[in-house]
Amino acid sequence: MISRFFMLGASMSYFFLMPQALQRVFGFTPLMASSISFLPLTVIQFIVSLYIPRLTARFSNISVLISGVVDTLGFVLENVIGINSGYWWGVAFPIIFLGMGQGLIIGPATVAGVAGTSDEIAGAASGVVNTFQQIGGAVGLAFISAMVNGLNGADVIIDQAQFWMVVLAIIMTVAAINILRGKHE
């Protein structure tokens, strides 16, 4: 649950702030900034998600979940490369890793969150996991927005926001790896 909380904290912040940055830095229209520019992420996430049942059957749910920390690599690349490197290099390339990571994390994190629960409370446990995810998105966006409040320039704002997204993604990674300590198979 903690892993999903922080993943959504970083991701929702990204989905809220990046379209604004794309409009201000590159002059993208709202349609381009909020949908078409995210196609690399969406397509990769969709494709990876299709393979989750096969991957978990072959390697284990926890192994697939841990491999999903490639999401953190996407946030790190976004932060290191920066938006001023252009859309293709500074945004489209790193979001491929975000798409892979999100595709690998969401399902297995839900399974890990309800693992070990009895059949009687499995539905409630799943609801708690999903609620934690939604709260994580709201808390993460509020936190990152507070961290960039008062900054000027869309490129400066998104670069600083991405630094904080990396921080949240690192916490997500530590939480995901921590799952190895418990029994979640």
N, C-alpha and C. Protein backbone atom coordinates (compact mmCIF):
# COMPACT_ATOMS: atom_id res chain seq x y z
N MET A 1 0.82 -1.20 0.00
CA MET A 1 0.00 0.00 0.00
C MET A 1 0.86 1.25 0.00
N ILE A 2 1.92 1.23 0.76
CA ILE A 2 2.78 2.41 0.85
C ILE A 2 3.42 2.70 -0.51
N SER A 3 3.81 1.63 -1.19
CA SER A 3 4.42 1.79 -2.51
C SER A 3 3.44 2.48 -3.47
N ARG A 4 2.20 2.02 -3.49
CA ARG A 4 1.20 2.65 -4.37
C ARG A 4 0.90 4.08 -3.94
N PHE A 5 0.89 4.34 -2.66
CA PHE A 5 0.65 5.69 -2.15
C PHE A 5 1.66 6.66 -2.76
N PHE A 6 2.94 6.31 -2.67
CA PHE A 6 3.97 7.21 -3.17
C PHE A 6 4.07 7.20 -4.69
N MET A 7 3.78 6.05 -5.33
CA MET A 7 3.77 6.02 -6.79
C MET A 7 2.72 6.98 -7.32
N LEU A 8 1.54 6.93 -6.74
CA LEU A 8 0.48 7.83 -7.19
C LEU A 8 0.75 9.27 -6.78
N GLY A 9 1.44 9.47 -5.67
CA GLY A 9 1.82 10.83 -5.29
C GLY A 9 2.70 11.47 -6.34
N ALA A 10 3.68 10.72 -6.82
CA ALA A 10 4.56 11.23 -7.87
C ALA A 10 3.83 11.31 -9.21
N SER A 11 3.07 10.27 -9.54
CA SER A 11 2.42 10.21 -10.85
C SER A 11 1.34 11.27 -11.02
N MET A 12 0.48 11.44 -10.03
CA MET A 12 -0.58 12.45 -10.17
C MET A 12 0.01 13.84 -10.26
N SER A 13 1.09 14.07 -9.55
CA SER A 13 1.77 15.36 -9.66
C SER A 13 2.28 15.55 -11.08
N TYR A 14 2.85 14.50 -11.63
CA TYR A 14 3.36 14.55 -13.00
C TYR A 14 2.23 14.83 -13.99
N PHE A 15 1.13 14.09 -13.85
CA PHE A 15 0.01 14.25 -14.78
C PHE A 15 -0.67 15.61 -14.66
N PHE A 16 -0.54 16.25 -13.53
CA PHE A 16 -1.12 17.58 -13.35
C PHE A 16 -0.16 18.67 -13.83
N LEU A 17 1.11 18.57 -13.47
CA LEU A 17 2.06 19.64 -13.74
C LEU A 17 2.69 19.59 -15.13
N MET A 18 2.95 18.40 -15.66
CA MET A 18 3.62 18.31 -16.95
C MET A 18 2.80 18.91 -18.09
N PRO A 19 1.50 18.67 -18.19
CA PRO A 19 0.76 19.32 -19.27
C PRO A 19 0.84 20.85 -19.21
N GLN A 20 0.83 21.40 -18.01
CA GLN A 20 0.97 22.85 -17.89
C GLN A 20 2.33 23.31 -18.38
N ALA A 21 3.37 22.55 -18.01
CA ALA A 21 4.72 22.89 -18.46
C ALA A 21 4.84 22.77 -19.97
N LEU A 22 4.26 21.74 -20.54
CA LEU A 22 4.32 21.56 -22.00
C LEU A 22 3.65 22.72 -22.73
N GLN A 23 2.56 23.22 -22.17
CA GLN A 23 1.89 24.37 -22.78
C GLN A 23 2.73 25.62 -22.67
N ARG A 24 3.34 25.82 -21.52
CA ARG A 24 4.09 27.06 -21.30
C ARG A 24 5.49 27.03 -21.92
N VAL A 25 6.16 25.90 -21.88
CA VAL A 25 7.53 25.82 -22.41
C VAL A 25 7.54 25.65 -23.92
N PHE A 26 6.69 24.77 -24.43
CA PHE A 26 6.71 24.45 -25.86
C PHE A 26 5.54 25.05 -26.64
N GLY A 27 4.60 25.67 -25.95
CA GLY A 27 3.45 26.25 -26.63
C GLY A 27 2.46 25.21 -27.14
N PHE A 28 2.47 24.01 -26.53
CA PHE A 28 1.53 22.98 -26.93
C PHE A 28 0.10 23.45 -26.64
N THR A 29 -0.84 23.00 -27.44
CA THR A 29 -2.24 23.24 -27.14
C THR A 29 -2.62 22.35 -25.96
N PRO A 30 -3.73 22.64 -25.28
CA PRO A 30 -4.15 21.76 -24.18
C PRO A 30 -4.34 20.30 -24.63
N LEU A 31 -4.87 20.09 -25.83
CA LEU A 31 -5.04 18.72 -26.33
C LEU A 31 -3.69 18.04 -26.51
N MET A 32 -2.74 18.72 -27.11
CA MET A 32 -1.41 18.15 -27.29
C MET A 32 -0.74 17.87 -25.94
N ALA A 33 -0.86 18.82 -25.03
CA ALA A 33 -0.16 18.72 -23.75
C ALA A 33 -0.74 17.66 -22.83
N SER A 34 -2.04 17.46 -22.88
CA SER A 34 -2.65 16.56 -21.91
C SER A 34 -3.00 15.19 -22.46
N SER A 35 -2.89 14.99 -23.75
CA SER A 35 -3.23 13.67 -24.26
C SER A 35 -2.21 13.15 -25.27
N ILE A 36 -2.03 13.83 -26.34
CA ILE A 36 -1.17 13.32 -27.41
C ILE A 36 0.27 13.19 -26.94
N SER A 37 0.75 14.13 -26.16
CA SER A 37 2.13 14.07 -25.68
C SER A 37 2.35 12.92 -24.69
N PHE A 38 1.28 12.39 -24.13
CA PHE A 38 1.39 11.29 -23.18
C PHE A 38 1.20 9.92 -23.84
N LEU A 39 1.04 9.89 -25.16
CA LEU A 39 0.85 8.61 -25.85
C LEU A 39 1.99 7.62 -25.61
N PRO A 40 3.26 8.04 -25.58
CA PRO A 40 4.29 7.03 -25.31
C PRO A 40 4.07 6.32 -23.97
N LEU A 41 3.69 7.05 -22.94
CA LEU A 41 3.41 6.46 -21.64
C LEU A 41 2.21 5.53 -21.72
N THR A 42 1.14 6.01 -22.30
CA THR A 42 -0.11 5.26 -22.34
C THR A 42 0.03 3.96 -23.12
N VAL A 43 0.64 4.03 -24.28
CA VAL A 43 0.79 2.84 -25.12
C VAL A 43 1.67 1.81 -24.43
N ILE A 44 2.81 2.24 -23.89
CA ILE A 44 3.71 1.31 -23.20
C ILE A 44 3.03 0.71 -21.98
N GLN A 45 2.33 1.53 -21.19
CA GLN A 45 1.65 1.01 -20.00
C GLN A 45 0.61 -0.04 -20.39
N PHE A 46 -0.14 0.22 -21.45
CA PHE A 46 -1.15 -0.72 -21.92
C PHE A 46 -0.52 -2.04 -22.33
N ILE A 47 0.55 -1.96 -23.12
CA ILE A 47 1.21 -3.18 -23.60
C ILE A 47 1.79 -3.97 -22.43
N VAL A 48 2.48 -3.30 -21.53
CA VAL A 48 3.08 -3.99 -20.38
C VAL A 48 1.99 -4.62 -19.52
N SER A 49 0.89 -3.92 -19.31
CA SER A 49 -0.20 -4.45 -18.49
C SER A 49 -0.77 -5.75 -19.06
N LEU A 50 -0.76 -5.88 -20.36
CA LEU A 50 -1.26 -7.12 -20.98
C LEU A 50 -0.42 -8.33 -20.61
N TYR A 51 0.85 -8.11 -20.31
CA TYR A 51 1.76 -9.21 -20.00
C TYR A 51 1.87 -9.52 -18.50
N ILE A 52 1.20 -8.76 -17.66
CA ILE A 52 1.32 -8.98 -16.21
C ILE A 52 0.92 -10.39 -15.80
N PRO A 53 -0.19 -10.96 -16.26
CA PRO A 53 -0.51 -12.33 -15.83
C PRO A 53 0.59 -13.33 -16.19
N ARG A 54 1.15 -13.23 -17.39
CA ARG A 54 2.23 -14.14 -17.80
C ARG A 54 3.48 -13.92 -16.96
N LEU A 55 3.81 -12.65 -16.74
CA LEU A 55 5.01 -12.34 -15.97
C LEU A 55 4.90 -12.83 -14.53
N THR A 56 3.74 -12.60 -13.91
CA THR A 56 3.59 -13.04 -12.52
C THR A 56 3.56 -14.56 -12.42
N ALA A 57 3.00 -15.24 -13.42
CA ALA A 57 3.00 -16.71 -13.41
C ALA A 57 4.42 -17.25 -13.55
N ARG A 58 5.22 -16.56 -14.34
CA ARG A 58 6.58 -17.04 -14.58
C ARG A 58 7.57 -16.66 -13.47
N PHE A 59 7.47 -15.41 -12.97
CA PHE A 59 8.48 -14.92 -12.04
C PHE A 59 7.98 -14.76 -10.60
N SER A 60 6.77 -14.43 -10.37
CA SER A 60 6.10 -14.16 -9.09
C SER A 60 5.61 -12.72 -9.08
N ASN A 61 4.59 -12.52 -8.30
CA ASN A 61 3.99 -11.19 -8.19
C ASN A 61 4.99 -10.19 -7.63
N ILE A 62 5.72 -10.60 -6.61
CA ILE A 62 6.68 -9.70 -5.97
C ILE A 62 7.81 -9.32 -6.93
N SER A 63 8.29 -10.28 -7.70
CA SER A 63 9.35 -9.98 -8.67
C SER A 63 8.89 -8.95 -9.70
N VAL A 64 7.67 -9.11 -10.17
CA VAL A 64 7.14 -8.15 -11.15
C VAL A 64 6.97 -6.79 -10.50
N LEU A 65 6.45 -6.76 -9.28
CA LEU A 65 6.29 -5.50 -8.56
C LEU A 65 7.63 -4.80 -8.38
N ILE A 66 8.63 -5.53 -7.97
CA ILE A 66 9.96 -4.94 -7.77
C ILE A 66 10.51 -4.42 -9.10
N SER A 67 10.29 -5.15 -10.19
CA SER A 67 10.78 -4.67 -11.49
C SER A 67 10.08 -3.38 -11.91
N GLY A 68 8.92 -3.13 -11.34
CA GLY A 68 8.19 -1.90 -11.65
C GLY A 68 8.85 -0.64 -11.16
N VAL A 69 9.88 -0.79 -10.36
CA VAL A 69 10.58 0.41 -9.89
C VAL A 69 11.33 1.09 -11.03
N VAL A 70 11.25 0.52 -12.23
CA VAL A 70 11.76 1.21 -13.42
C VAL A 70 11.02 2.56 -13.56
N ASP A 71 9.86 2.65 -12.92
CA ASP A 71 9.12 3.90 -12.84
C ASP A 71 10.01 5.00 -12.26
N THR A 72 10.76 4.65 -11.23
CA THR A 72 11.68 5.61 -10.60
C THR A 72 12.73 6.07 -11.60
N LEU A 73 13.20 5.16 -12.44
CA LEU A 73 14.18 5.54 -13.47
C LEU A 73 13.59 6.61 -14.39
N GLY A 74 12.32 6.47 -14.74
CA GLY A 74 11.67 7.48 -15.58
C GLY A 74 11.66 8.84 -14.92
N PHE A 75 11.34 8.88 -13.63
CA PHE A 75 11.35 10.16 -12.92
C PHE A 75 12.76 10.74 -12.81
N VAL A 76 13.75 9.87 -12.58
CA VAL A 76 15.13 10.34 -12.51
C VAL A 76 15.57 10.90 -13.85
N LEU A 77 15.27 10.19 -14.94
CA LEU A 77 15.63 10.68 -16.27
C LEU A 77 14.98 12.03 -16.57
N GLU A 78 13.70 12.14 -16.23
CA GLU A 78 13.00 13.42 -16.44
C GLU A 78 13.72 14.54 -15.70
N ASN A 79 14.12 14.26 -14.48
CA ASN A 79 14.78 15.27 -13.66
C ASN A 79 16.17 15.59 -14.16
N VAL A 80 16.93 14.61 -14.54
CA VAL A 80 18.31 14.82 -14.99
C VAL A 80 18.35 15.48 -16.37
N ILE A 81 17.55 14.98 -17.29
CA ILE A 81 17.57 15.51 -18.66
C ILE A 81 16.95 16.91 -18.70
N GLY A 82 15.81 17.08 -18.05
CA GLY A 82 15.15 18.39 -17.98
C GLY A 82 14.32 18.71 -19.21
N ILE A 83 13.31 19.47 -19.00
CA ILE A 83 12.36 19.81 -20.06
C ILE A 83 13.00 20.68 -21.14
N ASN A 84 14.02 21.44 -20.80
CA ASN A 84 14.66 22.31 -21.79
C ASN A 84 15.45 21.54 -22.84
N SER A 85 15.56 20.22 -22.69
CA SER A 85 16.22 19.39 -23.69
C SER A 85 15.31 19.08 -24.87
N GLY A 86 14.07 19.54 -24.80
CA GLY A 86 13.11 19.30 -25.87
C GLY A 86 12.14 18.20 -25.51
N TYR A 87 11.04 18.18 -26.23
CA TYR A 87 9.99 17.20 -25.92
C TYR A 87 10.49 15.77 -26.09
N TRP A 88 11.07 15.43 -27.23
CA TRP A 88 11.41 14.04 -27.52
C TRP A 88 12.43 13.48 -26.54
N TRP A 89 13.44 14.24 -26.23
CA TRP A 89 14.50 13.75 -25.34
C TRP A 89 14.14 13.98 -23.87
N GLY A 90 13.62 15.15 -23.56
CA GLY A 90 13.38 15.53 -22.17
C GLY A 90 12.07 15.05 -21.58
N VAL A 91 11.11 14.66 -22.45
CA VAL A 91 9.80 14.23 -21.94
C VAL A 91 9.42 12.84 -22.49
N ALA A 92 9.36 12.69 -23.81
CA ALA A 92 8.86 11.45 -24.42
C ALA A 92 9.73 10.24 -24.08
N PHE A 93 11.05 10.41 -24.13
CA PHE A 93 11.93 9.28 -23.81
C PHE A 93 11.75 8.81 -22.35
N PRO A 94 11.83 9.69 -21.37
CA PRO A 94 11.66 9.23 -19.98
C PRO A 94 10.28 8.66 -19.66
N ILE A 95 9.23 9.17 -20.32
CA ILE A 95 7.90 8.65 -19.96
C ILE A 95 7.67 7.23 -20.46
N ILE A 96 8.54 6.75 -21.33
CA ILE A 96 8.48 5.33 -21.70
C ILE A 96 8.73 4.49 -20.44
N PHE A 97 9.69 4.90 -19.63
CA PHE A 97 10.00 4.18 -18.40
C PHE A 97 8.89 4.34 -17.37
N LEU A 98 8.26 5.52 -17.34
CA LEU A 98 7.12 5.71 -16.45
C LEU A 98 6.00 4.75 -16.84
N GLY A 99 5.74 4.63 -18.13
CA GLY A 99 4.70 3.71 -18.60
C GLY A 99 5.00 2.26 -18.26
N MET A 100 6.25 1.85 -18.47
CA MET A 100 6.65 0.48 -18.11
C MET A 100 6.46 0.26 -16.61
N GLY A 101 6.96 1.19 -15.83
CA GLY A 101 6.89 1.05 -14.38
C GLY A 101 5.47 1.00 -13.86
N GLN A 102 4.64 1.89 -14.35
CA GLN A 102 3.26 1.90 -13.89
C GLN A 102 2.53 0.63 -14.31
N GLY A 103 2.80 0.16 -15.52
CA GLY A 103 2.20 -1.09 -15.96
C GLY A 103 2.61 -2.27 -15.09
N LEU A 104 3.86 -2.24 -14.62
CA LEU A 104 4.37 -3.33 -13.80
C LEU A 104 3.97 -3.21 -12.33
N ILE A 105 3.64 -2.03 -11.87
CA ILE A 105 3.38 -1.82 -10.44
C ILE A 105 1.91 -1.97 -10.06
N ILE A 106 1.01 -1.39 -10.79
CA ILE A 106 -0.36 -1.21 -10.30
C ILE A 106 -1.03 -2.54 -9.94
N GLY A 107 -1.08 -3.49 -10.83
CA GLY A 107 -1.72 -4.77 -10.53
C GLY A 107 -1.01 -5.55 -9.42
N PRO A 108 0.30 -5.78 -9.57
CA PRO A 108 1.00 -6.52 -8.53
C PRO A 108 0.98 -5.84 -7.15
N ALA A 109 0.94 -4.52 -7.12
CA ALA A 109 0.86 -3.82 -5.82
C ALA A 109 -0.49 -4.08 -5.16
N THR A 110 -1.54 -4.16 -5.96
CA THR A 110 -2.86 -4.48 -5.41
C THR A 110 -2.85 -5.89 -4.85
N VAL A 111 -2.29 -6.83 -5.61
CA VAL A 111 -2.21 -8.21 -5.14
C VAL A 111 -1.41 -8.29 -3.84
N ALA A 112 -0.27 -7.61 -3.80
CA ALA A 112 0.55 -7.62 -2.58
C ALA A 112 -0.20 -6.99 -1.41
N GLY A 113 -1.02 -5.98 -1.69
CA GLY A 113 -1.76 -5.30 -0.63
C GLY A 113 -2.86 -6.14 -0.01
N VAL A 114 -3.39 -7.10 -0.78
CA VAL A 114 -4.46 -7.94 -0.24
C VAL A 114 -3.98 -9.35 0.08
N ALA A 115 -2.72 -9.63 -0.19
CA ALA A 115 -2.17 -10.96 0.08
C ALA A 115 -2.30 -11.28 1.57
N GLY A 116 -2.67 -12.49 1.84
CA GLY A 116 -2.74 -12.93 3.23
C GLY A 116 -4.05 -12.59 3.91
N THR A 117 -4.94 -11.89 3.24
CA THR A 117 -6.24 -11.59 3.86
C THR A 117 -7.19 -12.76 3.62
N SER A 118 -8.12 -12.91 4.52
CA SER A 118 -9.11 -13.98 4.36
C SER A 118 -10.12 -13.58 3.28
N ASP A 119 -10.81 -14.56 2.76
CA ASP A 119 -11.81 -14.30 1.72
C ASP A 119 -12.89 -13.32 2.19
N GLU A 120 -13.19 -13.36 3.49
CA GLU A 120 -14.25 -12.51 4.02
C GLU A 120 -13.90 -11.03 3.96
N ILE A 121 -12.63 -10.69 4.06
CA ILE A 121 -12.25 -9.28 4.07
C ILE A 121 -11.44 -8.85 2.84
N ALA A 122 -11.29 -9.76 1.88
CA ALA A 122 -10.49 -9.44 0.69
C ALA A 122 -11.04 -8.22 -0.05
N GLY A 123 -12.35 -8.10 -0.16
CA GLY A 123 -12.95 -6.94 -0.83
C GLY A 123 -12.66 -5.65 -0.08
N ALA A 124 -12.78 -5.70 1.24
CA ALA A 124 -12.48 -4.51 2.05
C ALA A 124 -11.01 -4.16 1.96
N ALA A 125 -10.15 -5.17 1.97
CA ALA A 125 -8.71 -4.91 1.86
C ALA A 125 -8.38 -4.27 0.52
N SER A 126 -9.00 -4.74 -0.54
CA SER A 126 -8.79 -4.14 -1.86
C SER A 126 -9.26 -2.69 -1.87
N GLY A 127 -10.37 -2.42 -1.21
CA GLY A 127 -10.87 -1.05 -1.11
C GLY A 127 -9.91 -0.14 -0.36
N VAL A 128 -9.30 -0.67 0.69
CA VAL A 128 -8.31 0.11 1.45
C VAL A 128 -7.10 0.41 0.58
N VAL A 129 -6.63 -0.60 -0.16
CA VAL A 129 -5.48 -0.40 -1.04
C VAL A 129 -5.78 0.70 -2.06
N ASN A 130 -6.95 0.64 -2.69
CA ASN A 130 -7.30 1.65 -3.69
C ASN A 130 -7.54 3.02 -3.08
N THR A 131 -8.08 3.07 -1.88
CA THR A 131 -8.26 4.35 -1.19
C THR A 131 -6.90 4.95 -0.86
N PHE A 132 -5.98 4.12 -0.40
CA PHE A 132 -4.62 4.58 -0.11
C PHE A 132 -3.99 5.18 -1.37
N GLN A 133 -4.24 4.54 -2.50
CA GLN A 133 -3.71 5.04 -3.77
C GLN A 133 -4.28 6.42 -4.08
N GLN A 134 -5.57 6.60 -3.94
CA GLN A 134 -6.20 7.88 -4.25
C GLN A 134 -5.72 8.98 -3.30
N ILE A 135 -5.61 8.64 -2.05
CA ILE A 135 -5.12 9.62 -1.08
C ILE A 135 -3.67 9.97 -1.39
N GLY A 136 -2.89 8.98 -1.80
CA GLY A 136 -1.50 9.22 -2.17
C GLY A 136 -1.38 10.22 -3.31
N GLY A 137 -2.25 10.12 -4.30
CA GLY A 137 -2.23 11.07 -5.40
C GLY A 137 -2.52 12.48 -4.93
N ALA A 138 -3.51 12.62 -4.07
CA ALA A 138 -3.88 13.95 -3.57
C ALA A 138 -2.79 14.53 -2.66
N VAL A 139 -2.27 13.71 -1.77
CA VAL A 139 -1.23 14.17 -0.85
C VAL A 139 0.05 14.51 -1.61
N GLY A 140 0.42 13.66 -2.56
CA GLY A 140 1.62 13.91 -3.35
C GLY A 140 1.53 15.20 -4.14
N LEU A 141 0.38 15.43 -4.78
CA LEU A 141 0.20 16.66 -5.55
C LEU A 141 0.22 17.88 -4.62
N ALA A 142 -0.41 17.79 -3.48
CA ALA A 142 -0.39 18.91 -2.53
C ALA A 142 1.03 19.18 -2.04
N PHE A 143 1.76 18.12 -1.74
CA PHE A 143 3.14 18.27 -1.27
C PHE A 143 4.02 18.91 -2.34
N ILE A 144 3.98 18.38 -3.54
CA ILE A 144 4.84 18.90 -4.60
C ILE A 144 4.43 20.32 -4.99
N SER A 145 3.15 20.59 -5.01
CA SER A 145 2.70 21.95 -5.30
C SER A 145 3.22 22.93 -4.25
N ALA A 146 3.21 22.51 -3.00
CA ALA A 146 3.75 23.37 -1.93
C ALA A 146 5.24 23.58 -2.10
N MET A 147 5.96 22.56 -2.58
CA MET A 147 7.40 22.66 -2.75
C MET A 147 7.79 23.61 -3.89
N VAL A 148 6.92 23.76 -4.89
CA VAL A 148 7.25 24.64 -6.02
C VAL A 148 6.51 25.97 -5.96
N ASN A 149 5.72 26.16 -4.92
CA ASN A 149 4.98 27.41 -4.76
C ASN A 149 5.95 28.59 -4.71
N GLY A 150 5.65 29.60 -5.47
CA GLY A 150 6.46 30.81 -5.45
C GLY A 150 7.58 30.82 -6.48
N LEU A 151 7.82 29.70 -7.15
CA LEU A 151 8.85 29.68 -8.19
C LEU A 151 8.30 30.31 -9.46
N ASN A 152 9.18 30.87 -10.27
CA ASN A 152 8.77 31.50 -11.52
C ASN A 152 9.40 30.76 -12.69
N GLY A 153 8.67 30.72 -13.79
CA GLY A 153 9.14 30.07 -15.00
C GLY A 153 8.70 28.62 -15.04
N ALA A 154 7.97 28.26 -16.09
CA ALA A 154 7.44 26.90 -16.19
C ALA A 154 8.54 25.85 -16.18
N ASP A 155 9.68 26.15 -16.82
CA ASP A 155 10.76 25.18 -16.84
C ASP A 155 11.37 25.00 -15.45
N VAL A 156 11.50 26.06 -14.71
CA VAL A 156 12.04 25.99 -13.34
C VAL A 156 11.07 25.23 -12.45
N ILE A 157 9.79 25.51 -12.58
CA ILE A 157 8.77 24.85 -11.75
C ILE A 157 8.76 23.36 -12.01
N ILE A 158 8.72 22.96 -13.30
CA ILE A 158 8.63 21.53 -13.59
C ILE A 158 9.93 20.82 -13.21
N ASP A 159 11.07 21.46 -13.41
CA ASP A 159 12.33 20.82 -13.02
C ASP A 159 12.39 20.61 -11.50
N GLN A 160 11.97 21.61 -10.73
CA GLN A 160 11.96 21.46 -9.27
C GLN A 160 10.90 20.45 -8.84
N ALA A 161 9.75 20.47 -9.49
CA ALA A 161 8.69 19.50 -9.17
C ALA A 161 9.19 18.09 -9.45
N GLN A 162 9.91 17.92 -10.54
CA GLN A 162 10.42 16.59 -10.87
C GLN A 162 11.44 16.11 -9.85
N PHE A 163 12.19 17.02 -9.27
CA PHE A 163 13.09 16.62 -8.19
C PHE A 163 12.28 15.98 -7.06
N TRP A 164 11.18 16.62 -6.68
CA TRP A 164 10.36 16.09 -5.59
C TRP A 164 9.63 14.82 -6.01
N MET A 165 9.31 14.68 -7.30
CA MET A 165 8.73 13.43 -7.79
C MET A 165 9.73 12.30 -7.64
N VAL A 166 11.00 12.59 -7.89
CA VAL A 166 12.06 11.59 -7.70
C VAL A 166 12.11 11.17 -6.23
N VAL A 167 12.01 12.12 -5.33
CA VAL A 167 12.02 11.80 -3.90
C VAL A 167 10.87 10.85 -3.57
N LEU A 168 9.67 11.16 -4.04
CA LEU A 168 8.52 10.28 -3.79
C LEU A 168 8.72 8.92 -4.43
N ALA A 169 9.29 8.90 -5.64
CA ALA A 169 9.53 7.63 -6.34
C ALA A 169 10.58 6.79 -5.61
N ILE A 170 11.56 7.42 -5.01
CA ILE A 170 12.55 6.67 -4.23
C ILE A 170 11.90 6.05 -3.00
N ILE A 171 11.03 6.79 -2.35
CA ILE A 171 10.29 6.22 -1.21
C ILE A 171 9.44 5.04 -1.68
N MET A 172 8.81 5.18 -2.87
CA MET A 172 8.03 4.09 -3.45
C MET A 172 8.92 2.86 -3.66
N THR A 173 10.12 3.08 -4.17
CA THR A 173 11.05 1.98 -4.43
C THR A 173 11.45 1.28 -3.15
N VAL A 174 11.76 2.04 -2.12
CA VAL A 174 12.13 1.45 -0.84
C VAL A 174 10.95 0.65 -0.28
N ALA A 175 9.75 1.18 -0.39
CA ALA A 175 8.56 0.47 0.10
C ALA A 175 8.33 -0.82 -0.69
N ALA A 176 8.54 -0.75 -2.00
CA ALA A 176 8.36 -1.95 -2.83
C ALA A 176 9.38 -3.02 -2.47
N ILE A 177 10.61 -2.62 -2.30
CA ILE A 177 11.66 -3.58 -1.93
C ILE A 177 11.41 -4.13 -0.54
N ASN A 178 10.85 -3.32 0.34
CA ASN A 178 10.54 -3.75 1.70
C ASN A 178 9.51 -4.88 1.72
N ILE A 179 8.73 -4.98 0.68
CA ILE A 179 7.73 -6.07 0.60
C ILE A 179 8.41 -7.42 0.68
N LEU A 180 9.66 -7.48 0.23
CA LEU A 180 10.39 -8.75 0.28
C LEU A 180 10.52 -9.30 1.70
N ARG A 181 10.41 -8.42 2.69
CA ARG A 181 10.55 -8.84 4.08
C ARG A 181 9.35 -9.61 4.58
N GLY A 182 8.19 -9.41 3.96
CA GLY A 182 6.98 -10.09 4.40
C GLY A 182 6.59 -11.23 3.48
N LYS A 183 5.51 -11.90 3.82
CA LYS A 183 5.01 -12.98 2.99
C LYS A 183 3.81 -12.44 2.21
N HIS A 184 4.00 -12.26 0.89
CA HIS A 184 2.95 -11.68 0.06
C HIS A 184 2.68 -12.49 -1.19
N GLU A 185 3.10 -13.67 -1.27
CA GLU A 185 2.92 -14.47 -2.49
C GLU A 185 1.57 -15.15 -2.48
